[in-house]
Amino acid sequence: MNATLFDRSSRRVELTPAGEQLLPLAREVISAFDRVENRKRRRGVPSLRLGFAGVGPMKLAAEIFAEVRAELPQVRLDVAHVHQDEVPEELLSETHPLAGRDELTVPDLDRIPLLRPHSADPTSIAWSVVDPRPDGRRATTGPSARNLEEALTMVAAGLGGYLVPRDVAGAVRHPLVLAQPVSDLSASPFSVAEMTNAP
């Protein structure tokens, strides 16, 4: 099938409707390519992943990283923000059949494809969409969102729901998106640091 993906002029380049339709798939392909490249770079390299909640520990994190670099120069260092333990909330389109409920449960999430964060880390993606579910079932996922603004737009368009921490849900201001607590998701523990040997 032949289709024009871009409208070009001397001043700008814009996506055509066909280009807009292909854009999510193109992002998925780029994300998959990035994951392959990351795996190639990390193969056999030991790594230290440091998680932090809030901005308070960053001075301590910098000191830890400096010490690790000095003592273990061959170790790759990663840092990632993690949310403190709390009940997550689901962002839903106001027109979704579940939008009228006071709260949702994990089985309700099976009726909503969950948007995935734009990440090369499969563990982070699985955590963000509750995959697998407590009973072992796999989550149904939708497209990936690079940031909260993209996620809100996709949720408003009915492309899926998006799990966020309660403090983020409280800050969401979108006329077509509702936030509802997920009552039976337990608080999520996280490791402050872990040493791994990348495959």
Protein backbone atom coordinates (compact mmCIF):
# COMPACT_ATOMS: atom_id res chain seq x y z
CA MET A 1 0.00 0.00 0.00
CA ASN A 2 1.39 3.41 -0.99
CA ALA A 3 0.63 6.32 1.31
CA THR A 4 2.05 9.80 1.82
CA LEU A 5 3.26 10.15 5.41
CA PHE A 6 4.52 13.76 5.38
CA ASP A 7 3.41 17.07 3.92
CA ARG A 8 6.55 19.09 3.19
CA SER A 9 6.80 22.75 2.43
CA SER A 10 9.71 25.18 2.43
CA ARG A 11 8.72 26.21 5.97
CA ARG A 12 7.77 22.98 7.75
CA VAL A 13 7.10 19.25 7.65
CA GLU A 14 3.79 17.88 8.96
CA LEU A 15 2.36 14.40 9.31
CA THR A 16 -0.52 13.46 7.03
CA PRO A 17 -3.49 11.52 8.50
CA ALA A 18 -1.77 8.31 7.31
CA GLY A 19 1.42 9.43 9.06
CA GLU A 20 -0.52 10.10 12.27
CA GLN A 21 -1.94 6.57 12.13
CA LEU A 22 1.51 5.07 11.67
CA LEU A 23 3.18 7.17 14.38
CA PRO A 24 2.42 4.85 17.36
CA LEU A 25 3.82 1.87 15.45
CA ALA A 26 6.94 3.84 14.49
CA ARG A 27 7.48 4.72 18.17
CA GLU A 28 7.15 1.03 19.10
CA VAL A 29 9.75 0.09 16.47
CA ILE A 30 12.18 2.75 17.71
CA SER A 31 11.64 1.64 21.31
CA ALA A 32 12.32 -2.00 20.36
CA PHE A 33 15.48 -0.96 18.48
CA ASP A 34 16.65 1.02 21.53
CA ARG A 35 16.08 -2.02 23.75
CA VAL A 36 18.17 -4.21 21.43
CA GLU A 37 20.97 -1.62 21.35
CA ASN A 38 20.89 -1.29 25.15
CA ARG A 39 21.14 -5.05 25.57
CA LYS A 40 24.10 -5.18 23.18
CA ARG A 41 25.89 -2.45 25.13
CA ARG A 42 25.14 -4.00 28.53
CA ARG A 43 25.89 -7.64 27.75
CA GLY A 44 28.13 -9.05 30.44
CA VAL A 45 28.58 -5.71 32.23
CA PRO A 46 27.78 -5.77 35.98
CA SER A 47 25.46 -2.97 37.00
CA LEU A 48 24.26 -1.21 40.13
CA ARG A 49 20.72 0.19 40.05
CA LEU A 50 19.89 2.77 42.70
CA GLY A 51 16.25 3.69 43.28
CA PHE A 52 15.15 6.84 45.11
CA ALA A 53 11.82 8.33 46.18
CA GLY A 54 11.43 12.11 46.21
CA VAL A 55 14.34 14.50 45.72
CA GLY A 56 15.83 14.38 49.23
CA PRO A 57 18.28 11.48 48.73
CA MET A 58 19.97 12.86 45.62
CA LYS A 59 23.00 14.21 47.53
CA LEU A 60 23.40 10.82 49.19
CA ALA A 61 22.92 9.07 45.82
CA ALA A 62 25.67 11.22 44.28
CA GLU A 63 28.02 10.32 47.16
CA ILE A 64 27.23 6.61 46.77
CA PHE A 65 27.80 6.76 43.01
CA ALA A 66 31.13 8.55 43.45
CA GLU A 67 32.26 5.91 45.95
CA VAL A 68 31.16 3.05 43.69
CA ARG A 69 32.97 4.59 40.70
CA ALA A 70 36.14 4.83 42.74
CA GLU A 71 35.93 1.27 44.12
CA LEU A 72 34.29 -0.52 41.16
CA PRO A 73 35.19 1.32 37.94
CA GLN A 74 33.97 -1.61 35.80
CA VAL A 75 30.37 -1.41 37.17
CA ARG A 76 27.71 0.43 35.15
CA LEU A 77 25.53 2.71 37.29
CA ASP A 78 21.80 3.34 36.83
CA VAL A 79 19.50 5.60 38.84
CA ALA A 80 15.71 5.61 38.76
CA HIS A 81 12.97 7.43 40.60
CA VAL A 82 10.56 5.08 42.40
CA HIS A 83 7.30 6.03 44.03
CA GLN A 84 6.76 5.59 47.73
CA ASP A 85 4.34 2.87 48.78
CA GLU A 86 0.79 4.02 48.12
CA VAL A 87 -2.44 2.88 46.52
CA PRO A 88 -2.26 3.65 42.79
CA GLU A 89 -5.01 5.40 40.91
CA GLU A 90 -6.28 4.66 37.42
CA LEU A 91 -6.77 7.48 34.94
CA LEU A 92 -9.80 6.75 32.76
CA SER A 93 -11.69 8.44 29.98
CA GLU A 94 -14.85 9.97 31.47
CA THR A 95 -16.88 8.02 28.89
CA HIS A 96 -15.52 4.58 29.91
CA PRO A 97 -18.16 2.24 31.42
CA LEU A 98 -16.08 1.94 34.62
CA ALA A 99 -15.83 5.70 35.07
CA GLY A 100 -18.92 5.91 37.30
CA ARG A 101 -17.50 3.73 40.09
CA ASP A 102 -16.10 5.03 43.36
CA GLU A 103 -13.14 2.67 43.09
CA LEU A 104 -11.75 -0.07 40.89
CA THR A 105 -10.23 -3.47 41.62
CA VAL A 106 -7.50 -5.46 39.88
CA PRO A 107 -10.07 -7.63 38.00
CA ASP A 108 -11.57 -4.38 36.62
CA LEU A 109 -8.20 -3.61 35.04
CA ASP A 110 -8.75 -6.57 32.69
CA ARG A 111 -11.44 -4.49 30.96
CA ILE A 112 -9.02 -1.64 30.29
CA PRO A 113 -5.89 -1.87 28.12
CA LEU A 114 -3.23 -0.14 30.19
CA LEU A 115 -0.88 2.35 28.58
CA ARG A 116 2.79 1.46 28.99
CA PRO A 117 5.51 3.91 29.99
CA HIS A 118 8.05 4.58 27.25
CA SER A 119 10.88 2.53 28.73
CA ALA A 120 13.51 0.04 27.69
CA ASP A 121 13.28 -1.68 31.08
CA PRO A 122 10.83 -4.63 30.93
CA THR A 123 10.68 -4.82 34.75
CA SER A 124 9.54 -1.21 34.95
CA ILE A 125 6.92 -1.76 32.26
CA ALA A 126 5.59 -4.91 33.97
CA TRP A 127 5.36 -3.09 37.32
CA SER A 128 3.51 -0.15 35.80
CA VAL A 129 0.75 -2.32 34.26
CA VAL A 130 0.53 -4.93 37.08
CA ASP A 131 1.83 -7.77 34.92
CA PRO A 132 1.36 -10.51 35.82
CA ARG A 133 -1.76 -10.04 37.90
CA PRO A 134 -1.93 -11.58 41.42
CA ASP A 135 -3.69 -14.67 39.99
CA GLY A 136 -1.05 -15.11 37.27
CA ARG A 137 -3.05 -13.70 34.34
CA ARG A 138 -1.23 -11.39 31.93
CA ALA A 139 -2.16 -7.72 31.60
CA THR A 140 -3.72 -6.33 28.45
CA THR A 141 -1.66 -3.35 27.35
CA GLY A 142 -2.16 -0.48 24.96
CA PRO A 143 0.32 1.88 23.31
CA SER A 144 3.24 3.44 25.18
CA ALA A 145 3.27 7.01 26.44
CA ARG A 146 6.50 9.02 26.69
CA ASN A 147 5.17 11.37 29.35
CA LEU A 148 2.05 12.24 31.33
CA GLU A 149 0.78 14.67 28.70
CA GLU A 150 0.82 11.94 26.04
CA ALA A 151 -0.83 9.53 28.47
CA LEU A 152 -3.62 12.00 29.26
CA THR A 153 -4.28 12.57 25.56
CA MET A 154 -4.42 8.82 24.88
CA VAL A 155 -6.67 8.22 27.90
CA ALA A 156 -9.03 11.02 26.81
CA ALA A 157 -9.15 9.46 23.33
CA GLY A 158 -10.19 6.11 24.82
CA LEU A 159 -6.96 4.25 23.94
CA GLY A 160 -6.57 2.87 27.46
CA GLY A 161 -6.13 3.62 31.13
CA TYR A 162 -2.99 4.72 32.93
CA LEU A 163 -1.91 3.78 36.46
CA VAL A 164 -0.30 6.61 38.40
CA PRO A 165 0.55 7.27 42.06
CA ARG A 166 -2.15 8.99 44.09
CA ASP A 167 -0.21 12.27 44.34
CA VAL A 168 0.07 12.43 40.54
CA ALA A 169 -3.64 11.65 40.11
CA GLY A 170 -4.48 14.48 42.49
CA ALA A 171 -2.60 16.92 40.28
CA VAL A 172 -4.25 15.85 37.00
CA ARG A 173 -6.43 18.52 35.46
CA HIS A 174 -8.07 17.31 32.27
CA PRO A 175 -11.74 17.80 31.36
CA LEU A 176 -12.06 14.32 29.81
CA VAL A 177 -10.03 12.25 32.30
CA LEU A 178 -11.10 10.90 35.68
CA ALA A 179 -8.93 9.40 38.44
CA GLN A 180 -10.20 6.42 40.43
CA PRO A 181 -8.42 4.48 43.20
CA VAL A 182 -7.61 0.81 42.67
CA SER A 183 -8.53 -0.57 46.07
CA ASP A 184 -6.96 -4.04 46.04
CA LEU A 185 -3.51 -3.19 44.71
CA SER A 186 -1.18 -3.53 47.65
CA ALA A 187 1.50 -0.98 48.37
CA SER A 188 4.52 -1.71 46.20
CA PRO A 189 7.87 -2.39 47.87
CA PHE A 190 11.03 -1.52 46.00
CA SER A 191 14.71 -2.32 46.29
CA VAL A 192 16.92 0.61 47.14
CA ALA A 193 19.81 -0.96 45.28
CA GLU A 194 20.58 -4.17 43.51
CA MET A 195 23.72 -5.50 41.87
CA THR A 196 23.19 -7.47 38.69
CA ASN A 197 25.20 -9.03 35.92
CA ALA A 198 23.50 -8.03 32.70
CA PRO A 199 22.83 -10.96 30.30
